[in-house]
Amino acid sequence: MALTEQQIQNWARALSETENDKCVKTVAAIRKILVDHFGSKVKVFLQGSYANSTNVRRDSDVDIVVCYDNAYYSDLSSLTEQEKITHNQNCTSHDYHFPEFKNDVESLLRTHYGSSVTRKEKCLTIDGNTYRVNADVVPCFTHIRFYAPQAISVEGIQLFTDTNNITVINFPDHHKNNGQTKNQSTDQKYKAVVRILKNCRNQLVDNNKINDKLVSSFLLESLVWNVPETHFNTTFHKNAVNNVICKIYTDMADHTVSNNYAEINDLMYLFRGPNKKTPAEVRTFLENAYNVIN
């Protein structure tokens, strides 16, 4: 049976004030622990669905970034060979490395939360309880792109997975700002459509229709962000989400189009490079999501 417009609108809503308050208290407690220990050497801020107001009730956990700010990783890909030499000559090496920092953050959190802390590939998860929601604490270093030997183009974050030491780079500030701009230009429908698709994903996972790793929240936010504003220009949320699904589904069949889909930060491509999802996997999800809605 197809979902009604009212059911779709329910899926489109942001978290209630009560649910949001629990998230706020969780973030405040963890931030205090981190800052009390590391002081001005770290920046602690939010990223992910909660920070970008695209989380749904089922996924009301928080992603808290703790970024070591006294050292950074450089992206020198835009520099000439001589410029790279000049840059490296002016750099100061550091003896505090990312694995050590992640270990220190883990030890600190275990002191306060004990067995509620689980170490994962990219983060440290703290299980929720009556007073707090689940939280993913993401240790990272600053990542800086240079356009000249000492001239910064853009700043982000960088970390490495525990297994295989895979590099992960993201730009949370650009992600957040671009999402807000898109939401404003679509009369608040961008984030509503993202929440609808996340609820679709959760229902499909619960019914064993798809694997829970098929599409991430980040992937969904980025996919929808690439859709032109005109596809959101409709009175009904159901029409908007159907328009978005059909547009992305069509684009994923054309390699020249899908290859230019950008991450929501608009600084990296969504399907280029290693360890990326494929357009075919996106189409599989969209087929199932369309069936749920219609």
C-alpha atoms as a PDB file:
ATOM      1  CA  MET A   1       0.000   0.000   0.000  1.00  0.00           C
ATOM      2  CA  ALA A   2       1.322   3.431  -0.965  1.00  0.00           C
ATOM      3  CA  LEU A   3       2.148   5.915   1.762  1.00  0.00           C
ATOM      4  CA  THR A   4      -0.212   8.852   2.179  1.00  0.00           C
ATOM      5  CA  GLU A   5       0.937  12.470   2.061  1.00  0.00           C
ATOM      6  CA  GLN A   6       0.396  12.662   5.837  1.00  0.00           C
ATOM      7  CA  GLN A   7       2.660   9.662   6.425  1.00  0.00           C
ATOM      8  CA  ILE A   8       5.291  11.212   4.191  1.00  0.00           C
ATOM      9  CA  GLN A   9       5.067  14.511   6.098  1.00  0.00           C
ATOM     10  CA  ASN A  10       5.548  12.641   9.380  1.00  0.00           C
ATOM     11  CA  TRP A  11       8.760  11.167   7.983  1.00  0.00           C
ATOM     12  CA  ALA A  12       9.876  14.624   6.839  1.00  0.00           C
ATOM     13  CA  ARG A  13       9.719  16.229  10.292  1.00  0.00           C
ATOM     14  CA  ALA A  14      12.764  17.085  12.386  1.00  0.00           C
ATOM     15  CA  LEU A  15      13.199  15.697  15.903  1.00  0.00           C
ATOM     16  CA  SER A  16      10.941  16.987  18.660  1.00  0.00           C
ATOM     17  CA  GLU A  17      12.290  19.372  21.328  1.00  0.00           C
ATOM     18  CA  THR A  18      12.348  16.553  23.898  1.00  0.00           C
ATOM     19  CA  GLU A  19      14.447  14.300  21.666  1.00  0.00           C
ATOM     20  CA  ASN A  20      16.688  17.207  20.711  1.00  0.00           C
ATOM     21  CA  ASP A  21      17.259  18.151  24.376  1.00  0.00           C
ATOM     22  CA  LYS A  22      18.693  14.704  25.104  1.00  0.00           C
ATOM     23  CA  CYS A  23      21.146  15.149  22.218  1.00  0.00           C
ATOM     24  CA  VAL A  24      22.195  18.570  23.514  1.00  0.00           C
ATOM     25  CA  LYS A  25      22.959  17.208  26.992  1.00  0.00           C
ATOM     26  CA  THR A  26      24.975  14.328  25.542  1.00  0.00           C
ATOM     27  CA  VAL A  27      27.109  16.656  23.456  1.00  0.00           C
ATOM     28  CA  ALA A  28      27.730  19.056  26.359  1.00  0.00           C
ATOM     29  CA  ALA A  29      28.911  16.283  28.692  1.00  0.00           C
ATOM     30  CA  ILE A  30      31.323  14.758  26.170  1.00  0.00           C
ATOM     31  CA  ARG A  31      32.651  18.141  25.036  1.00  0.00           C
ATOM     32  CA  LYS A  32      33.496  19.053  28.650  1.00  0.00           C
ATOM     33  CA  ILE A  33      35.457  15.827  29.141  1.00  0.00           C
ATOM     34  CA  LEU A  34      37.501  16.390  25.986  1.00  0.00           C
ATOM     35  CA  VAL A  35      38.205  20.093  26.484  1.00  0.00           C
ATOM     36  CA  ASP A  36      39.038  19.697  30.179  1.00  0.00           C
ATOM     37  CA  HIS A  37      41.774  17.242  29.190  1.00  0.00           C
ATOM     38  CA  PHE A  38      43.168  18.585  25.893  1.00  0.00           C
ATOM     39  CA  GLY A  39      42.394  22.282  26.336  1.00  0.00           C
ATOM     40  CA  SER A  40      43.110  24.584  23.385  1.00  0.00           C
ATOM     41  CA  LYS A  41      44.953  21.821  21.508  1.00  0.00           C
ATOM     42  CA  VAL A  42      41.631  20.497  20.202  1.00  0.00           C
ATOM     43  CA  LYS A  43      38.486  21.788  18.535  1.00  0.00           C
ATOM     44  CA  VAL A  44      35.311  19.928  19.485  1.00  0.00           C
ATOM     45  CA  PHE A  45      32.314  20.307  17.196  1.00  0.00           C
ATOM     46  CA  LEU A  46      29.395  18.440  15.664  1.00  0.00           C
ATOM     47  CA  GLN A  47      29.132  16.865  12.249  1.00  0.00           C
ATOM     48  CA  GLY A  48      26.720  14.429  10.639  1.00  0.00           C
ATOM     49  CA  SER A  49      22.931  14.211  10.697  1.00  0.00           C
ATOM     50  CA  TYR A  50      22.373  15.892  14.051  1.00  0.00           C
ATOM     51  CA  ALA A  51      24.595  18.856  13.206  1.00  0.00           C
ATOM     52  CA  ASN A  52      22.871  19.232   9.844  1.00  0.00           C
ATOM     53  CA  SER A  53      19.283  18.712  11.113  1.00  0.00           C
ATOM     54  CA  THR A  54      18.693  15.698   8.884  1.00  0.00           C
ATOM     55  CA  ASN A  55      18.520  13.051  11.605  1.00  0.00           C
ATOM     56  CA  VAL A  56      15.400  10.974  12.176  1.00  0.00           C
ATOM     57  CA  ARG A  57      14.074   9.395  15.355  1.00  0.00           C
ATOM     58  CA  ARG A  58      15.619   5.992  14.654  1.00  0.00           C
ATOM     59  CA  ASP A  59      19.038   7.600  14.053  1.00  0.00           C
ATOM     60  CA  SER A  60      19.046  10.218  16.800  1.00  0.00           C
ATOM     61  CA  ASP A  61      22.683   9.637  17.753  1.00  0.00           C
ATOM     62  CA  VAL A  62      25.304  12.382  17.548  1.00  0.00           C
ATOM     63  CA  ASP A  63      28.684  12.623  15.798  1.00  0.00           C
ATOM     64  CA  ILE A  64      31.186  14.626  17.826  1.00  0.00           C
ATOM     65  CA  VAL A  65      34.473  15.552  16.176  1.00  0.00           C
ATOM     66  CA  VAL A  66      37.543  16.080  18.367  1.00  0.00           C
ATOM     67  CA  CYS A  67      40.135  17.597  16.070  1.00  0.00           C
ATOM     68  CA  TYR A  68      43.751  17.912  17.192  1.00  0.00           C
ATOM     69  CA  ASP A  69      44.621  21.412  16.036  1.00  0.00           C
ATOM     70  CA  ASN A  70      48.343  21.607  16.876  1.00  0.00           C
ATOM     71  CA  ALA A  71      49.308  19.635  13.773  1.00  0.00           C
ATOM     72  CA  TYR A  72      47.885  19.094  10.310  1.00  0.00           C
ATOM     73  CA  TYR A  73      48.067  16.947   7.191  1.00  0.00           C
ATOM     74  CA  SER A  74      48.782  18.772   3.931  1.00  0.00           C
ATOM     75  CA  ASP A  75      47.188  18.376   0.508  1.00  0.00           C
ATOM     76  CA  LEU A  76      49.800  19.711  -1.919  1.00  0.00           C
ATOM     77  CA  SER A  77      48.260  18.286  -5.108  1.00  0.00           C
ATOM     78  CA  SER A  78      47.719  21.772  -6.585  1.00  0.00           C
ATOM     79  CA  LEU A  79      51.355  22.810  -6.115  1.00  0.00           C
ATOM     80  CA  THR A  80      54.253  22.500  -8.508  1.00  0.00           C
ATOM     81  CA  GLU A  81      57.212  20.333  -7.531  1.00  0.00           C
ATOM     82  CA  GLN A  82      59.231  23.408  -6.572  1.00  0.00           C
ATOM     83  CA  GLU A  83      56.330  24.782  -4.510  1.00  0.00           C
ATOM     84  CA  LYS A  84      56.099  21.460  -2.672  1.00  0.00           C
ATOM     85  CA  ILE A  85      59.795  21.675  -1.805  1.00  0.00           C
ATOM     86  CA  THR A  86      59.329  25.233  -0.529  1.00  0.00           C
ATOM     87  CA  HIS A  87      56.315  24.201   1.540  1.00  0.00           C
ATOM     88  CA  ASN A  88      58.108  21.250   3.120  1.00  0.00           C
ATOM     89  CA  GLN A  89      61.138  23.380   3.966  1.00  0.00           C
ATOM     90  CA  ASN A  90      58.904  25.684   6.013  1.00  0.00           C
ATOM     91  CA  CYS A  91      56.989  22.932   7.818  1.00  0.00           C
ATOM     92  CA  THR A  92      57.582  21.930  11.401  1.00  0.00           C
ATOM     93  CA  SER A  93      57.468  18.192  12.082  1.00  0.00           C
ATOM     94  CA  HIS A  94      55.473  16.834  15.015  1.00  0.00           C
ATOM     95  CA  ASP A  95      56.127  13.787  17.164  1.00  0.00           C
ATOM     96  CA  TYR A  96      52.474  13.337  18.195  1.00  0.00           C
ATOM     97  CA  HIS A  97      50.767  11.197  15.588  1.00  0.00           C
ATOM     98  CA  PHE A  98      47.168  10.324  14.840  1.00  0.00           C
ATOM     99  CA  PRO A  99      47.177   6.722  16.213  1.00  0.00           C
ATOM    100  CA  GLU A 100      48.517   8.011  19.531  1.00  0.00           C
ATOM    101  CA  PHE A 101      45.856  10.723  19.648  1.00  0.00           C
ATOM    102  CA  LYS A 102      43.036   8.241  19.002  1.00  0.00           C
ATOM    103  CA  ASN A 103      44.411   5.981  21.738  1.00  0.00           C
ATOM    104  CA  ASP A 104      44.514   8.910  24.167  1.00  0.00           C
ATOM    105  CA  VAL A 105      40.917   9.881  23.377  1.00  0.00           C
ATOM    106  CA  GLU A 106      39.820   6.267  23.845  1.00  0.00           C
ATOM    107  CA  SER A 107      41.567   6.028  27.210  1.00  0.00           C
ATOM    108  CA  LEU A 108      39.988   9.289  28.351  1.00  0.00           C
ATOM    109  CA  LEU A 109      36.467   8.222  27.377  1.00  0.00           C
ATOM    110  CA  ARG A 110      36.859   4.806  28.996  1.00  0.00           C
ATOM    111  CA  THR A 111      37.828   6.520  32.253  1.00  0.00           C
ATOM    112  CA  HIS A 112      34.436   8.237  32.260  1.00  0.00           C
ATOM    113  CA  TYR A 113      32.165   5.749  30.458  1.00  0.00           C
ATOM    114  CA  GLY A 114      33.858   2.386  31.012  1.00  0.00           C
ATOM    115  CA  SER A 115      32.505  -0.531  29.007  1.00  0.00           C
ATOM    116  CA  SER A 116      29.979   1.731  27.253  1.00  0.00           C
ATOM    117  CA  VAL A 117      32.828   2.737  24.909  1.00  0.00           C
ATOM    118  CA  THR A 118      33.471   0.666  21.780  1.00  0.00           C
ATOM    119  CA  ARG A 119      36.383   1.335  19.428  1.00  0.00           C
ATOM    120  CA  LYS A 120      35.446   1.272  15.734  1.00  0.00           C
ATOM    121  CA  GLU A 121      37.292   1.820  12.472  1.00  0.00           C
ATOM    122  CA  LYS A 122      36.729   5.581  12.336  1.00  0.00           C
ATOM    123  CA  CYS A 123      35.381   6.516  15.749  1.00  0.00           C
ATOM    124  CA  LEU A 124      34.742   5.653  19.386  1.00  0.00           C
ATOM    125  CA  THR A 125      31.098   4.857  20.125  1.00  0.00           C
ATOM    126  CA  ILE A 126      29.522   5.603  23.498  1.00  0.00           C
ATOM    127  CA  ASP A 127      26.308   3.670  24.089  1.00  0.00           C
ATOM    128  CA  GLY A 128      23.286   5.687  25.123  1.00  0.00           C
ATOM    129  CA  ASN A 129      21.145   5.183  28.219  1.00  0.00           C
ATOM    130  CA  THR A 130      18.242   6.898  29.989  1.00  0.00           C
ATOM    131  CA  TYR A 131      20.129  10.200  30.121  1.00  0.00           C
ATOM    132  CA  ARG A 132      22.078  10.285  26.867  1.00  0.00           C
ATOM    133  CA  VAL A 133      21.806   9.247  23.217  1.00  0.00           C
ATOM    134  CA  ASN A 134      24.364   7.117  21.391  1.00  0.00           C
ATOM    135  CA  ALA A 135      27.410   9.162  20.457  1.00  0.00           C
ATOM    136  CA  ASP A 136      30.209   8.625  17.933  1.00  0.00           C
ATOM    137  CA  VAL A 137      33.347  10.522  18.941  1.00  0.00           C
ATOM    138  CA  VAL A 138      35.569  11.029  15.885  1.00  0.00           C
ATOM    139  CA  PRO A 139      39.254  11.748  16.633  1.00  0.00           C
ATOM    140  CA  CYS A 140      41.011  13.477  13.722  1.00  0.00           C
ATOM    141  CA  PHE A 141      43.711  15.923  12.716  1.00  0.00           C
ATOM    142  CA  THR A 142      43.291  19.106  10.709  1.00  0.00           C
ATOM    143  CA  HIS A 143      43.510  18.683   6.924  1.00  0.00           C
ATOM    144  CA  ILE A 144      44.682  21.677   4.861  1.00  0.00           C
ATOM    145  CA  ARG A 145      44.594  22.151   1.094  1.00  0.00           C
ATOM    146  CA  PHE A 146      47.220  24.585  -0.183  1.00  0.00           C
ATOM    147  CA  TYR A 147      47.100  26.577  -3.424  1.00  0.00           C
ATOM    148  CA  ALA A 148      50.581  28.060  -2.845  1.00  0.00           C
ATOM    149  CA  PRO A 149      53.458  26.999  -0.550  1.00  0.00           C
ATOM    150  CA  GLN A 150      52.033  28.847   2.478  1.00  0.00           C
ATOM    151  CA  ALA A 151      48.580  29.835   1.200  1.00  0.00           C
ATOM    152  CA  ILE A 152      45.600  27.861   2.494  1.00  0.00           C
ATOM    153  CA  SER A 153      42.836  27.012   0.047  1.00  0.00           C
ATOM    154  CA  VAL A 154      40.481  25.180   2.424  1.00  0.00           C
ATOM    155  CA  GLU A 155      40.543  23.374   5.776  1.00  0.00           C
ATOM    156  CA  GLY A 156      38.876  20.119   6.725  1.00  0.00           C
ATOM    157  CA  ILE A 157      39.569  17.048   8.839  1.00  0.00           C
ATOM    158  CA  GLN A 158      41.566  13.872   8.243  1.00  0.00           C
ATOM    159  CA  LEU A 159      41.732  10.504   9.984  1.00  0.00           C
ATOM    160  CA  PHE A 160      42.831   6.952   9.280  1.00  0.00           C
ATOM    161  CA  THR A 161      40.918   3.723   9.733  1.00  0.00           C
ATOM    162  CA  ASP A 162      42.255   1.180  12.210  1.00  0.00           C
ATOM    163  CA  THR A 163      42.301  -1.529   9.548  1.00  0.00           C
ATOM    164  CA  ASN A 164      44.442  -0.942   6.443  1.00  0.00           C
ATOM    165  CA  ASN A 165      45.159   2.650   7.490  1.00  0.00           C
ATOM    166  CA  ILE A 166      42.726   4.070   4.913  1.00  0.00           C
ATOM    167  CA  THR A 167      42.729   7.876   4.691  1.00  0.00           C
ATOM    168  CA  VAL A 168      39.386   9.590   5.320  1.00  0.00           C
ATOM    169  CA  ILE A 169      39.032  13.303   4.516  1.00  0.00           C
ATOM    170  CA  ASN A 170      35.974  15.463   5.064  1.00  0.00           C
ATOM    171  CA  PHE A 171      34.970  19.117   5.175  1.00  0.00           C
ATOM    172  CA  PRO A 172      32.246  19.449   7.842  1.00  0.00           C
ATOM    173  CA  ASP A 173      31.902  23.253   7.679  1.00  0.00           C
ATOM    174  CA  HIS A 174      31.328  23.241   3.933  1.00  0.00           C
ATOM    175  CA  HIS A 175      28.938  20.309   4.310  1.00  0.00           C
ATOM    176  CA  LYS A 176      26.840  22.183   6.843  1.00  0.00           C
ATOM    177  CA  ASN A 177      26.834  25.509   4.989  1.00  0.00           C
ATOM    178  CA  ASN A 178      25.959  23.961   1.622  1.00  0.00           C
ATOM    179  CA  GLY A 179      23.124  21.956   3.181  1.00  0.00           C
ATOM    180  CA  GLN A 180      21.673  25.063   4.787  1.00  0.00           C
ATOM    181  CA  THR A 181      21.866  26.999   1.519  1.00  0.00           C
ATOM    182  CA  LYS A 182      20.174  24.166  -0.383  1.00  0.00           C
ATOM    183  CA  ASN A 183      17.443  23.945   2.238  1.00  0.00           C
ATOM    184  CA  GLN A 184      16.717  27.663   1.989  1.00  0.00           C
ATOM    185  CA  SER A 185      16.631  27.601  -1.816  1.00  0.00           C
ATOM    186  CA  THR A 186      14.145  24.695  -1.821  1.00  0.00           C
ATOM    187  CA  ASP A 187      11.709  26.171   0.725  1.00  0.00           C
ATOM    188  CA  GLN A 188      12.950  23.742   3.433  1.00  0.00           C
ATOM    189  CA  LYS A 189      12.266  20.679   1.266  1.00  0.00           C
ATOM    190  CA  TYR A 190      15.884  19.555   0.821  1.00  0.00           C
ATOM    191  CA  LYS A 191      16.271  18.346   4.412  1.00  0.00           C
ATOM    192  CA  ALA A 192      12.697  17.061   4.456  1.00  0.00           C
ATOM    193  CA  VAL A 193      13.399  14.824   1.436  1.00  0.00           C
ATOM    194  CA  VAL A 194      16.621  13.581   3.046  1.00  0.00           C
ATOM    195  CA  ARG A 195      14.712  12.613   6.213  1.00  0.00           C
ATOM    196  CA  ILE A 196      12.054  10.829   4.138  1.00  0.00           C
ATOM    197  CA  LEU A 197      14.703   8.782   2.333  1.00  0.00           C
ATOM    198  CA  LYS A 198      16.434   7.948   5.626  1.00  0.00           C
ATOM    199  CA  ASN A 199      13.146   6.663   7.033  1.00  0.00           C
ATOM    200  CA  CYS A 200      12.698   4.640   3.838  1.00  0.00           C
ATOM    201  CA  ARG A 201      16.150   3.164   4.309  1.00  0.00           C
ATOM    202  CA  ASN A 202      15.419   2.211   7.916  1.00  0.00           C
ATOM    203  CA  GLN A 203      12.150   0.508   6.976  1.00  0.00           C
ATOM    204  CA  LEU A 204      13.857  -1.403   4.167  1.00  0.00           C
ATOM    205  CA  VAL A 205      16.612  -2.559   6.524  1.00  0.00           C
ATOM    206  CA  ASP A 206      14.054  -3.632   9.138  1.00  0.00           C
ATOM    207  CA  ASN A 207      12.201  -5.668   6.501  1.00  0.00           C
ATOM    208  CA  ASN A 208      15.436  -7.260   5.229  1.00  0.00           C
ATOM    209  CA  LYS A 209      15.011  -5.694   1.804  1.00  0.00           C
ATOM    210  CA  ILE A 210      18.460  -4.081   1.769  1.00  0.00           C
ATOM    211  CA  ASN A 211      21.717  -4.335   3.706  1.00  0.00           C
ATOM    212  CA  ASP A 212      22.193  -1.617   6.319  1.00  0.00           C
ATOM    213  CA  LYS A 213      25.517  -0.710   4.643  1.00  0.00           C
ATOM    214  CA  LEU A 214      24.003  -0.088   1.207  1.00  0.00           C
ATOM    215  CA  VAL A 215      23.583   3.674   1.599  1.00  0.00           C
ATOM    216  CA  SER A 216      24.914   5.914   4.370  1.00  0.00           C
ATOM    217  CA  SER A 217      23.397   9.128   5.683  1.00  0.00           C
ATOM    218  CA  PHE A 218      26.281  11.050   4.116  1.00  0.00           C
ATOM    219  CA  LEU A 219      25.616   9.463   0.727  1.00  0.00           C
ATOM    220  CA  LEU A 220      21.900  10.263   0.870  1.00  0.00           C
ATOM    221  CA  GLU A 221      22.506  13.888   1.848  1.00  0.00           C
ATOM    222  CA  SER A 222      25.025  14.282  -0.971  1.00  0.00           C
ATOM    223  CA  LEU A 223      22.840  12.605  -3.609  1.00  0.00           C
ATOM    224  CA  VAL A 224      19.839  14.802  -2.837  1.00  0.00           C
ATOM    225  CA  TRP A 225      22.043  17.911  -2.675  1.00  0.00           C
ATOM    226  CA  ASN A 226      23.035  17.361  -6.331  1.00  0.00           C
ATOM    227  CA  VAL A 227      19.420  17.517  -7.529  1.00  0.00           C
ATOM    228  CA  PRO A 228      18.425  20.896  -9.077  1.00  0.00           C
ATOM    229  CA  GLU A 229      16.081  23.095  -7.017  1.00  0.00           C
ATOM    230  CA  THR A 230      13.290  22.853  -9.605  1.00  0.00           C
ATOM    231  CA  HIS A 231      12.636  19.223  -8.634  1.00  0.00           C
ATOM    232  CA  PHE A 232      11.664  20.331  -5.106  1.00  0.00           C
ATOM    233  CA  ASN A 233       9.247  22.992  -6.388  1.00  0.00           C
ATOM    234  CA  THR A 234       5.955  21.301  -5.519  1.00  0.00           C
ATOM    235  CA  THR A 235       3.334  21.658  -2.799  1.00  0.00           C
ATOM    236  CA  PHE A 236       3.383  18.039  -1.669  1.00  0.00           C
ATOM    237  CA  HIS A 237       6.308  16.244  -0.035  1.00  0.00           C
ATOM    238  CA  LYS A 238       5.400  13.007  -1.808  1.00  0.00           C
ATOM    239  CA  ASN A 239       5.744  14.673  -5.195  1.00  0.00           C
ATOM    240  CA  ALA A 240       9.058  16.205  -4.177  1.00  0.00           C
ATOM    241  CA  VAL A 241      10.610  12.930  -3.013  1.00  0.00           C
ATOM    242  CA  ASN A 242       9.362  11.126  -6.133  1.00  0.00           C
ATOM    243  CA  ASN A 243      10.854  13.855  -8.326  1.00  0.00           C
ATOM    244  CA  VAL A 244      14.189  13.551  -6.517  1.00  0.00           C
ATOM    245  CA  ILE A 245      14.228   9.750  -6.708  1.00  0.00           C
ATOM    246  CA  CYS A 246      13.493   9.758 -10.442  1.00  0.00           C
ATOM    247  CA  LYS A 247      16.123  12.408 -11.182  1.00  0.00           C
ATOM    248  CA  ILE A 248      18.896  10.617  -9.259  1.00  0.00           C
ATOM    249  CA  TYR A 249      17.855   7.217 -10.675  1.00  0.00           C
ATOM    250  CA  THR A 250      18.121   8.562 -14.236  1.00  0.00           C
ATOM    251  CA  ASP A 251      21.454  10.263 -13.546  1.00  0.00           C
ATOM    252  CA  MET A 252      22.948   7.095 -12.061  1.00  0.00           C
ATOM    253  CA  ALA A 253      22.401   5.290 -15.393  1.00  0.00           C
ATOM    254  CA  ASP A 254      24.590   7.817 -17.236  1.00  0.00           C
ATOM    255  CA  HIS A 255      28.261   7.567 -16.262  1.00  0.00           C
ATOM    256  CA  THR A 256      29.115  11.012 -17.597  1.00  0.00           C
ATOM    257  CA  VAL A 257      26.479  12.507 -15.295  1.00  0.00           C
ATOM    258  CA  SER A 258      26.969  10.383 -12.164  1.00  0.00           C
ATOM    259  CA  ASN A 259      30.746  10.830 -12.376  1.00  0.00           C
ATOM    260  CA  ASN A 260      30.246  14.553 -11.761  1.00  0.00           C
ATOM    261  CA  TYR A 261      28.058  14.144  -8.685  1.00  0.00           C
ATOM    262  CA  ALA A 262      29.834  15.945  -5.845  1.00  0.00           C
ATOM    263  CA  GLU A 263      29.898  15.346  -2.124  1.00  0.00           C
ATOM    264  CA  ILE A 264      27.733  17.900  -0.337  1.00  0.00           C
ATOM    265  CA  ASN A 265      30.897  19.801   0.665  1.00  0.00           C
ATOM    266  CA  ASP A 266      31.406  20.421  -3.095  1.00  0.00           C
ATOM    267  CA  LEU A 267      35.124  19.798  -2.701  1.00  0.00           C
ATOM    268  CA  MET A 268      35.301  16.089  -3.575  1.00  0.00           C
ATOM    269  CA  TYR A 269      33.514  13.814  -6.035  1.00  0.00           C
ATOM    270  CA  LEU A 270      30.985  11.313  -4.742  1.00  0.00           C
ATOM    271  CA  PHE A 271      31.892   8.308  -6.918  1.00  0.00           C
ATOM    272  CA  ARG A 272      35.518   8.923  -7.884  1.00  0.00           C
ATOM    273  CA  GLY A 273      38.381   7.276  -6.039  1.00  0.00           C
ATOM    274  CA  PRO A 274      38.765   4.119  -3.934  1.00  0.00           C
ATOM    275  CA  ASN A 275      36.343   2.845  -1.293  1.00  0.00           C
ATOM    276  CA  LYS A 276      33.351   4.613  -2.856  1.00  0.00           C
ATOM    277  CA  LYS A 277      29.806   3.389  -3.365  1.00  0.00           C
ATOM    278  CA  THR A 278      28.695   2.854  -6.971  1.00  0.00           C
ATOM    279  CA  PRO A 279      25.817   4.319  -9.020  1.00  0.00           C
ATOM    280  CA  ALA A 280      24.455   0.776  -9.391  1.00  0.00           C
ATOM    281  CA  GLU A 281      24.137   0.447  -5.615  1.00  0.00           C
ATOM    282  CA  VAL A 282      22.350   3.794  -5.477  1.00  0.00           C
ATOM    283  CA  ARG A 283      19.865   2.634  -8.128  1.00  0.00           C
ATOM    284  CA  THR A 284      19.166  -0.526  -6.118  1.00  0.00           C
ATOM    285  CA  PHE A 285      18.302   1.566  -3.078  1.00  0.00           C
ATOM    286  CA  LEU A 286      16.144   3.998  -5.068  1.00  0.00           C
ATOM    287  CA  GLU A 287      14.123   1.186  -6.665  1.00  0.00           C
ATOM    288  CA  ASN A 288      13.295  -0.126  -3.203  1.00  0.00           C
ATOM    289  CA  ALA A 289      12.607   3.337  -1.771  1.00  0.00           C
ATOM    290  CA  TYR A 290      10.248   4.171  -4.635  1.00  0.00           C
ATOM    291  CA  ASN A 291       8.325   0.970  -3.945  1.00  0.00           C
ATOM    292  CA  VAL A 292       7.982   1.847  -0.255  1.00  0.00           C
ATOM    293  CA  ILE A 293       6.582   5.273  -1.040  1.00  0.00           C
ATOM    294  CA  ASN A 294       4.364   4.343  -3.947  1.00  0.00           C
END
